[in-house]
Amino acid sequence: MCATEKNKKGCLFYGCLTSIVFGLVFFVAMPLVLYYAFNAAAGKLVENYTDEDPIQLPEVLLEEAELSMLKQRVERFRKAIQTKEASPPLELTTEEINALIFHDAQLEKLKGRAYLKIEGNALQGQVSIPLDELNLNSDTRRYVNGSGSFKISVREGKLSVIIQSIEIKGKTLPAAVQNVIIGVNLFENAEMDPETTKLLDHLKTFEIRNGKLFLELNKNRKAEIDDALDFSGGDAL
């Protein structure tokens, strides 16, 4: 489900958002999973850290024209990665990220279950996931309602999503659990598929900058040659 499970990941923008959110779900639910597997008192733990009802996450609605322009920007950036063409950076606000989650079919799995917010230099997420979707047997339908904060970046083709904080049901996790997961990179041991690895190699920047999610492409070889020719009057090669 998440990067820490060492599965191969298909990820770039849509896939990254989905993986980040489900990584959050994994770490929010990890104490429940462990106790359910090894502790006879798991029922009490589940009761303390889950809710009978999902939390109501904010909905972000855009006008049809705004949404169309947003999707076009994302698609142009995606195609530039595939074709190795030059492209201006892609910048997305909190509102735009959540509008994509709410409206775009490629993010259907997150609709009504995740809300992302940019705060300072971190990406924050709220999630509300049915307990039975975590493969935990529960007599009643309960929900894991949690939140977390992450610092994201890409360096030399490697995606880094560092956990800064995790809460379940508004409660900070016990210190013993916090010490294990805080500072962990969700993608530390993830095996990226060849296509994703190639795509990440073309990303220079994937981070929070000036209150926006900022994605910037590396200059491709063709652009470097063109710049050299312009600088030298055409004699660079």
Protein backbone atom coordinates (compact mmCIF):
# COMPACT_ATOMS: atom_id res chain seq x y z
CA MET A 1 0.00 0.00 0.00
CA CYS A 2 2.77 2.45 0.81
CA ALA A 3 6.41 2.97 0.03
CA THR A 4 7.63 1.33 3.22
CA GLU A 5 6.23 -2.00 2.12
CA LYS A 6 8.97 -2.20 -0.53
CA ASN A 7 6.53 -2.57 -3.38
CA LYS A 8 7.34 -1.16 -6.78
CA LYS A 9 5.73 2.25 -7.21
CA GLY A 10 4.33 3.99 -10.23
CA CYS A 11 4.61 7.61 -9.23
CA LEU A 12 4.78 11.07 -10.63
CA PHE A 13 2.48 13.76 -9.39
CA TYR A 14 -0.81 11.82 -9.26
CA GLY A 15 0.99 8.68 -8.17
CA CYS A 16 3.17 10.60 -5.72
CA LEU A 17 0.20 12.27 -4.06
CA THR A 18 -1.58 8.94 -3.74
CA SER A 19 1.51 7.21 -2.36
CA ILE A 20 2.18 10.01 0.13
CA VAL A 21 -1.38 9.86 1.45
CA PHE A 22 -1.42 6.08 1.75
CA GLY A 23 1.99 6.27 3.38
CA LEU A 24 0.39 8.57 5.95
CA VAL A 25 -2.44 6.06 6.41
CA PHE A 26 0.08 3.26 6.96
CA PHE A 27 1.98 5.13 9.67
CA VAL A 28 -1.22 6.36 11.33
CA ALA A 29 -2.54 2.79 11.45
CA MET A 30 0.74 0.99 12.16
CA PRO A 31 0.26 0.86 15.97
CA LEU A 32 -3.22 -0.59 15.44
CA VAL A 33 -1.90 -3.19 13.02
CA LEU A 34 0.85 -4.30 15.39
CA TYR A 35 -1.41 -4.49 18.41
CA TYR A 36 -4.07 -6.30 16.45
CA ALA A 37 -1.54 -8.90 15.42
CA PHE A 38 0.20 -9.42 18.76
CA ASN A 39 -1.94 -8.05 21.59
CA ALA A 40 -5.05 -9.61 23.07
CA ALA A 41 -6.15 -6.16 24.22
CA ALA A 42 -6.27 -4.85 20.65
CA GLY A 43 -10.01 -4.22 20.85
CA LYS A 44 -9.52 -1.55 23.51
CA LEU A 45 -6.73 0.08 21.53
CA VAL A 46 -8.88 0.19 18.41
CA GLU A 47 -11.69 1.77 20.39
CA ASN A 48 -9.36 4.43 21.77
CA TYR A 49 -7.76 5.31 18.44
CA THR A 50 -10.63 5.01 15.97
CA ASP A 51 -14.04 6.64 15.56
CA GLU A 52 -17.50 5.36 14.74
CA ASP A 53 -17.85 8.01 12.05
CA PRO A 54 -15.54 9.49 9.42
CA ILE A 55 -14.48 13.09 9.82
CA GLN A 56 -15.89 15.58 7.35
CA LEU A 57 -13.02 16.71 5.16
CA PRO A 58 -13.17 20.07 3.38
CA GLU A 59 -14.39 20.00 -0.21
CA VAL A 60 -12.80 22.26 -2.80
CA LEU A 61 -14.92 23.13 -5.81
CA LEU A 62 -13.70 25.10 -8.81
CA GLU A 63 -15.64 26.59 -11.67
CA GLU A 64 -15.56 24.39 -14.77
CA ALA A 65 -13.33 26.84 -16.64
CA GLU A 66 -10.84 27.05 -13.75
CA LEU A 67 -10.75 23.28 -13.37
CA SER A 68 -10.19 22.81 -17.10
CA MET A 69 -7.25 25.24 -17.08
CA LEU A 70 -5.78 23.51 -14.03
CA LYS A 71 -5.95 20.07 -15.65
CA GLN A 72 -4.39 21.46 -18.82
CA ARG A 73 -1.44 22.85 -16.84
CA VAL A 74 -0.86 19.51 -15.15
CA GLU A 75 -1.17 17.62 -18.44
CA ARG A 76 1.28 19.95 -20.23
CA PHE A 77 3.83 19.39 -17.48
CA ARG A 78 3.32 15.62 -17.58
CA LYS A 79 3.78 15.55 -21.36
CA ALA A 80 6.92 17.68 -21.10
CA ILE A 81 8.40 15.02 -18.82
CA GLN A 82 7.52 12.25 -21.27
CA THR A 83 8.85 14.09 -24.32
CA LYS A 84 11.85 15.64 -22.50
CA GLU A 85 10.82 19.08 -23.70
CA ALA A 86 11.38 22.33 -21.84
CA SER A 87 8.54 23.44 -19.60
CA PRO A 88 7.95 26.17 -17.02
CA PRO A 89 7.66 24.94 -13.42
CA LEU A 90 4.31 23.62 -12.24
CA GLU A 91 3.05 25.41 -9.14
CA LEU A 92 -0.06 24.26 -7.27
CA THR A 93 -1.84 25.87 -4.36
CA THR A 94 -3.62 24.01 -1.57
CA GLU A 95 -6.92 24.77 -3.30
CA GLU A 96 -5.71 23.41 -6.64
CA ILE A 97 -4.28 20.20 -5.15
CA ASN A 98 -7.55 19.42 -3.39
CA ALA A 99 -9.63 20.39 -6.41
CA LEU A 100 -7.71 17.75 -8.38
CA ILE A 101 -8.34 15.20 -5.62
CA PHE A 102 -12.04 15.99 -5.66
CA HIS A 103 -12.53 16.16 -9.43
CA ASP A 104 -9.88 14.09 -11.21
CA ALA A 105 -10.61 10.42 -11.87
CA GLN A 106 -6.91 9.55 -11.48
CA LEU A 107 -7.15 10.58 -7.81
CA GLU A 108 -10.49 8.88 -7.19
CA LYS A 109 -9.04 6.75 -4.37
CA LEU A 110 -8.38 9.89 -2.33
CA LYS A 111 -11.73 11.60 -2.82
CA GLY A 112 -13.50 12.10 0.50
CA ARG A 113 -10.65 10.35 2.29
CA ALA A 114 -7.82 12.83 2.15
CA TYR A 115 -7.29 16.57 2.35
CA LEU A 116 -3.85 18.09 1.78
CA LYS A 117 -2.73 21.47 3.06
CA ILE A 118 0.45 23.45 2.59
CA GLU A 119 1.71 24.93 5.85
CA GLY A 120 5.07 26.66 5.91
CA ASN A 121 7.55 24.38 4.15
CA ALA A 122 5.57 21.21 4.87
CA LEU A 123 2.75 19.27 3.27
CA GLN A 124 0.06 18.37 5.80
CA GLY A 125 -2.54 15.69 5.29
CA GLN A 126 -5.80 14.68 6.93
CA VAL A 127 -7.17 11.21 6.28
CA SER A 128 -10.35 9.34 7.13
CA ILE A 129 -10.20 5.66 6.16
CA PRO A 130 -12.51 2.75 7.07
CA LEU A 131 -10.74 0.35 9.42
CA ASP A 132 -11.79 -2.69 7.39
CA GLU A 133 -9.78 -1.38 4.42
CA LEU A 134 -6.64 -1.87 6.50
CA ASN A 135 -7.32 -5.62 6.66
CA LEU A 136 -8.10 -5.46 10.37
CA ASN A 137 -11.02 -7.55 11.51
CA SER A 138 -13.46 -5.35 13.38
CA ASP A 139 -16.93 -6.20 14.61
CA THR A 140 -18.15 -2.71 13.82
CA ARG A 141 -17.36 -0.32 11.00
CA ARG A 142 -14.94 2.20 12.45
CA TYR A 143 -12.67 4.83 10.93
CA VAL A 144 -9.05 5.78 11.27
CA ASN A 145 -9.10 9.58 11.43
CA GLY A 146 -5.62 11.01 11.51
CA SER A 147 -3.29 13.70 10.32
CA GLY A 148 0.36 14.13 9.57
CA SER A 149 2.97 16.56 8.33
CA PHE A 150 5.71 15.82 5.78
CA LYS A 151 8.70 17.50 4.21
CA ILE A 152 9.02 16.50 0.56
CA SER A 153 11.88 16.79 -1.91
CA VAL A 154 13.61 15.07 -4.80
CA ARG A 155 17.39 14.90 -5.08
CA GLU A 156 19.30 13.16 -7.86
CA GLY A 157 16.21 11.25 -8.92
CA LYS A 158 15.35 10.07 -5.40
CA LEU A 159 12.02 11.01 -3.83
CA SER A 160 12.10 11.90 -0.15
CA VAL A 161 8.99 12.25 2.02
CA ILE A 162 10.09 12.79 5.64
CA ILE A 163 7.52 12.34 8.42
CA GLN A 164 7.48 15.34 10.77
CA SER A 165 4.41 14.55 12.87
CA ILE A 166 1.55 12.06 13.15
CA GLU A 167 -1.70 12.21 15.15
CA ILE A 168 -4.59 9.76 15.47
CA LYS A 169 -8.00 10.94 16.63
CA GLY A 170 -6.40 14.21 17.69
CA LYS A 171 -3.93 12.38 19.94
CA THR A 172 -0.17 12.40 19.66
CA LEU A 173 1.23 8.90 19.42
CA PRO A 174 3.16 7.47 22.40
CA ALA A 175 6.82 8.51 22.56
CA ALA A 176 8.00 4.97 21.83
CA VAL A 177 6.08 5.00 18.54
CA GLN A 178 7.04 8.59 17.69
CA ASN A 179 10.72 7.76 18.12
CA VAL A 180 10.40 5.03 15.51
CA ILE A 181 8.51 6.90 12.80
CA ILE A 182 9.37 10.61 13.08
CA GLY A 183 12.10 11.49 10.60
CA VAL A 184 11.47 8.37 8.53
CA ASN A 185 11.48 8.71 4.74
CA LEU A 186 8.35 7.00 3.40
CA PHE A 187 10.22 6.20 0.18
CA GLU A 188 13.54 5.13 1.72
CA ASN A 189 13.22 1.51 0.61
CA ALA A 190 10.70 1.90 -2.18
CA GLU A 191 11.50 0.17 -5.46
CA MET A 192 10.47 2.48 -8.26
CA ASP A 193 9.54 0.96 -11.59
CA PRO A 194 11.85 1.85 -14.52
CA GLU A 195 9.40 4.38 -15.97
CA THR A 196 9.06 6.20 -12.67
CA THR A 197 12.82 6.20 -12.13
CA LYS A 198 13.25 7.76 -15.55
CA LEU A 199 10.62 10.39 -14.82
CA LEU A 200 12.11 11.30 -11.44
CA ASP A 201 15.49 11.74 -13.13
CA HIS A 202 13.93 14.60 -15.09
CA LEU A 203 12.71 16.41 -11.97
CA LYS A 204 15.01 19.04 -10.54
CA THR A 205 12.61 20.16 -7.81
CA PHE A 206 9.61 18.64 -6.04
CA GLU A 207 9.04 20.62 -2.85
CA ILE A 208 6.95 23.18 -1.01
CA ARG A 209 8.05 26.68 -2.00
CA ASN A 210 6.39 30.00 -1.21
CA GLY A 211 3.19 28.33 -0.06
CA LYS A 212 2.83 26.14 -3.16
CA LEU A 213 3.74 22.66 -4.33
CA PHE A 214 6.57 23.42 -6.75
CA LEU A 215 7.70 21.02 -9.50
CA GLU A 216 10.55 21.95 -11.82
CA LEU A 217 12.16 19.95 -14.61
CA ASN A 218 15.87 19.44 -15.08
CA LYS A 219 17.20 21.15 -18.17
CA ASN A 220 17.35 18.49 -20.84
CA ARG A 221 20.43 17.89 -22.96
CA LYS A 222 18.94 19.56 -26.01
CA ALA A 223 18.30 22.77 -24.09
CA GLU A 224 21.87 22.74 -22.72
CA ILE A 225 23.30 22.43 -26.24
CA ASP A 226 21.05 25.22 -27.52
CA ASP A 227 22.20 27.49 -24.70
CA ALA A 228 25.85 26.70 -25.44
CA LEU A 229 25.37 27.50 -29.12
CA ASP A 230 23.70 30.80 -28.30
CA PHE A 231 26.52 31.75 -25.93
CA SER A 232 29.38 30.88 -28.29
CA GLY A 233 27.83 32.07 -31.51
CA GLY A 234 27.24 28.56 -32.82
CA ASP A 235 30.76 27.09 -32.39
CA ALA A 236 30.21 25.12 -29.18
CA LEU A 237 30.26 21.78 -30.96
